[in-house]
C-alpha atoms as a PDB file:
ATOM      1  CA  UNK A   1     110.731  92.430  76.345  1.00  0.00           C
ATOM      2  CA  UNK A   2     112.315  90.356  79.105  1.00  0.00           C
ATOM      3  CA  UNK A   3     111.754  91.321  82.648  1.00  0.00           C
ATOM      4  CA  UNK A   4     115.434  92.120  83.047  1.00  0.00           C
ATOM      5  CA  UNK A   5     115.091  94.831  80.508  1.00  0.00           C
ATOM      6  CA  UNK A   6     112.104  96.167  82.384  1.00  0.00           C
ATOM      7  CA  UNK A   7     114.211  96.161  85.669  1.00  0.00           C
ATOM      8  CA  UNK A   8     116.933  98.050  83.955  1.00  0.00           C
ATOM      9  CA  UNK A   9     114.411 100.628  82.697  1.00  0.00           C
ATOM     10  CA  UNK A  10     112.765 100.994  86.109  1.00  0.00           C
ATOM     11  CA  UNK A  11     116.128 101.177  87.818  1.00  0.00           C
ATOM     12  CA  UNK A  12     117.444 103.957  85.682  1.00  0.00           C
ATOM     13  CA  UNK A  13     114.181 105.850  86.143  1.00  0.00           C
ATOM     14  CA  UNK A  14     114.624 105.507  89.804  1.00  0.00           C
ATOM     15  CA  UNK A  15     118.311 106.221  89.832  1.00  0.00           C
ATOM     16  CA  UNK A  16     118.981 102.841  91.791  1.00  0.00           C
ATOM     17  CA  UNK A  17     122.287 101.537  90.652  1.00  0.00           C
ATOM     18  CA  UNK A  18     121.867  98.417  93.028  1.00  0.00           C
ATOM     19  CA  UNK A  19     118.719  97.430  90.906  1.00  0.00           C
ATOM     20  CA  UNK A  20     120.668  97.757  87.726  1.00  0.00           C
ATOM     21  CA  UNK A  21     123.318  95.615  88.991  1.00  0.00           C
ATOM     22  CA  UNK A  22     120.726  92.947  90.227  1.00  0.00           C
ATOM     23  CA  UNK A  23     119.036  92.989  86.671  1.00  0.00           C
ATOM     24  CA  UNK A  24     122.318  92.737  84.848  1.00  0.00           C
ATOM     25  CA  UNK A  25     123.293  89.680  86.921  1.00  0.00           C
ATOM     26  CA  UNK A  26     119.754  88.268  86.595  1.00  0.00           C
ATOM     27  CA  UNK A  27     119.884  87.361  90.309  1.00  0.00           C
ATOM     28  CA  UNK A  28     117.041  86.263  92.701  1.00  0.00           C
ATOM     29  CA  UNK A  29     119.289  85.989  95.724  1.00  0.00           C
ATOM     30  CA  UNK A  30     120.037  82.189  95.167  1.00  0.00           C
ATOM     31  CA  UNK A  31     123.792  82.800  94.586  1.00  0.00           C
ATOM     32  CA  UNK A  32     123.941  84.707  98.054  1.00  0.00           C
ATOM     33  CA  UNK A  33     121.825  81.937  99.646  1.00  0.00           C
ATOM     34  CA  UNK A  34     124.151  79.216  98.328  1.00  0.00           C
ATOM     35  CA  UNK A  35     127.175  81.114  99.825  1.00  0.00           C
ATOM     36  CA  UNK A  36     125.396  81.485 103.025  1.00  0.00           C
ATOM     37  CA  UNK A  37     125.368  85.232 102.887  1.00  0.00           C
ATOM     38  CA  UNK A  38     121.626  85.648 103.992  1.00  0.00           C
ATOM     39  CA  UNK A  39     121.930  89.229 104.661  1.00  0.00           C
ATOM     40  CA  UNK A  40     123.106  90.157 101.085  1.00  0.00           C
ATOM     41  CA  UNK A  41     120.406  87.757  99.725  1.00  0.00           C
ATOM     42  CA  UNK A  42     117.715  89.427 101.870  1.00  0.00           C
ATOM     43  CA  UNK A  43     118.905  93.018 100.897  1.00  0.00           C
ATOM     44  CA  UNK A  44     118.720  92.035  97.125  1.00  0.00           C
ATOM     45  CA  UNK A  45     115.455  90.185  97.391  1.00  0.00           C
ATOM     46  CA  UNK A  46     113.927  92.999  99.152  1.00  0.00           C
ATOM     47  CA  UNK A  47     115.004  95.495  96.388  1.00  0.00           C
ATOM     48  CA  UNK A  48     113.621  93.090  93.638  1.00  0.00           C
ATOM     49  CA  UNK A  49     110.336  92.519  95.390  1.00  0.00           C
ATOM     50  CA  UNK A  50     109.599  96.320  95.173  1.00  0.00           C
ATOM     51  CA  UNK A  51     109.358  95.861  91.469  1.00  0.00           C
ATOM     52  CA  UNK A  52     108.196  92.265  91.360  1.00  0.00           C
ATOM     53  CA  UNK A  53     105.962  91.547  94.195  1.00  0.00           C
ATOM     54  CA  UNK A  54     104.263  88.734  92.364  1.00  0.00           C
ATOM     55  CA  UNK A  55     107.438  86.870  91.616  1.00  0.00           C
ATOM     56  CA  UNK A  56     107.458  83.298  93.094  1.00  0.00           C
ATOM     57  CA  UNK A  57     111.227  82.805  92.961  1.00  0.00           C
ATOM     58  CA  UNK A  58     111.649  85.845  95.076  1.00  0.00           C
ATOM     59  CA  UNK A  59     109.200  84.770  97.495  1.00  0.00           C
ATOM     60  CA  UNK A  60     110.468  81.280  97.741  1.00  0.00           C
ATOM     61  CA  UNK A  61     113.997  82.780  98.380  1.00  0.00           C
ATOM     62  CA  UNK A  62     113.019  85.101 100.942  1.00  0.00           C
ATOM     63  CA  UNK A  63     111.196  82.297 102.857  1.00  0.00           C
ATOM     64  CA  UNK A  64     114.464  80.334 102.624  1.00  0.00           C
ATOM     65  CA  UNK A  65     116.361  83.314 104.050  1.00  0.00           C
ATOM     66  CA  UNK A  66     113.883  83.658 106.782  1.00  0.00           C
ATOM     67  CA  UNK A  67     114.017  80.033 107.671  1.00  0.00           C
ATOM     68  CA  UNK A  68     117.852  80.291 107.853  1.00  0.00           C
ATOM     69  CA  UNK A  69     117.921  83.385 109.906  1.00  0.00           C
ATOM     70  CA  UNK A  70     115.568  81.898 112.775  1.00  0.00           C
ATOM     71  CA  UNK A  71     112.403  83.670 111.395  1.00  0.00           C
ATOM     72  CA  UNK A  72     110.220  80.560 111.220  1.00  0.00           C
ATOM     73  CA  UNK A  73     106.827  82.533 111.504  1.00  0.00           C
ATOM     74  CA  UNK A  74     107.789  84.687 108.664  1.00  0.00           C
ATOM     75  CA  UNK A  75     108.964  81.760 106.534  1.00  0.00           C
ATOM     76  CA  UNK A  76     105.737  79.847 107.052  1.00  0.00           C
ATOM     77  CA  UNK A  77     103.785  82.879 106.009  1.00  0.00           C
ATOM     78  CA  UNK A  78     105.715  83.211 102.712  1.00  0.00           C
ATOM     79  CA  UNK A  79     105.337  79.520 102.121  1.00  0.00           C
ATOM     80  CA  UNK A  80     101.555  79.730 102.643  1.00  0.00           C
ATOM     81  CA  UNK A  81     101.459  82.783 100.410  1.00  0.00           C
ATOM     82  CA  UNK A  82     103.159  80.837  97.718  1.00  0.00           C
ATOM     83  CA  UNK A  83     100.306  78.324  97.725  1.00  0.00           C
ATOM     84  CA  UNK A  84      98.035  81.188  96.656  1.00  0.00           C
ATOM     85  CA  UNK A  85     100.231  82.113  93.646  1.00  0.00           C
ATOM     86  CA  UNK A  86     100.036  80.395  90.305  1.00  0.00           C
ATOM     87  CA  UNK A  87     102.093  77.310  90.348  1.00  0.00           C
ATOM     88  CA  UNK A  88     105.317  77.097  88.508  1.00  0.00           C
ATOM     89  CA  UNK A  89     107.958  74.488  87.651  1.00  0.00           C
ATOM     90  CA  UNK A  90     111.380  75.150  88.926  1.00  0.00           C
ATOM     91  CA  UNK A  91     114.684  73.511  88.558  1.00  0.00           C
ATOM     92  CA  UNK A  92     116.724  72.672  91.688  1.00  0.00           C
ATOM     93  CA  UNK A  93     120.124  71.234  90.847  1.00  0.00           C
ATOM     94  CA  UNK A  94     119.246  68.463  88.259  1.00  0.00           C
ATOM     95  CA  UNK A  95     115.541  67.928  89.076  1.00  0.00           C
ATOM     96  CA  UNK A  96     112.356  69.502  88.375  1.00  0.00           C
ATOM     97  CA  UNK A  97     109.644  70.344  90.919  1.00  0.00           C
ATOM     98  CA  UNK A  98     106.919  72.964  91.510  1.00  0.00           C
ATOM     99  CA  UNK A  99     106.649  75.997  93.635  1.00  0.00           C
ATOM    100  CA  UNK A 100     103.650  74.523  95.405  1.00  0.00           C
ATOM    101  CA  UNK A 101     105.316  71.292  95.924  1.00  0.00           C
ATOM    102  CA  UNK A 102     108.430  72.915  97.392  1.00  0.00           C
ATOM    103  CA  UNK A 103     106.212  75.258  99.650  1.00  0.00           C
ATOM    104  CA  UNK A 104     104.153  72.042 100.915  1.00  0.00           C
ATOM    105  CA  UNK A 105     107.431  70.160 101.603  1.00  0.00           C
ATOM    106  CA  UNK A 106     108.913  73.003 103.569  1.00  0.00           C
ATOM    107  CA  UNK A 107     105.747  73.750 105.527  1.00  0.00           C
ATOM    108  CA  UNK A 108     105.468  69.848 106.289  1.00  0.00           C
ATOM    109  CA  UNK A 109     109.147  69.896 107.596  1.00  0.00           C
ATOM    110  CA  UNK A 110     108.117  72.727 109.825  1.00  0.00           C
ATOM    111  CA  UNK A 111     105.215  70.750 111.194  1.00  0.00           C
ATOM    112  CA  UNK A 112     102.515  72.700 109.289  1.00  0.00           C
ATOM    113  CA  UNK A 113      99.722  70.723 107.474  1.00  0.00           C
ATOM    114  CA  UNK A 114      98.475  71.958 104.061  1.00  0.00           C
ATOM    115  CA  UNK A 115      95.735  71.011 101.765  1.00  0.00           C
ATOM    116  CA  UNK A 116      96.843  69.437  98.470  1.00  0.00           C
END
């Protein structure tokens, strides 16, 4: 069963129409981030993280939101948390990288040294 189906089931059980919409659109906040609508992205990500606390896409996108909304300390903490999660490949545009590589790159750009 795909996670979107699980979200729909959970959202229906909780009576949360916004989660139903998020699951149907399969959104992790990236569309909102690309539009520069960080408030909408954060609200969506917060709702999704209640069900998927372990999801690295959501963690990465929340860190991006924090960084773009002048919450560098919170962004750093999330990037460091990502390094504790299992690594995953991700596609950004037409290239492939990993969550850990992305977190290390972002931390380095913020002046934080990390272990490889």
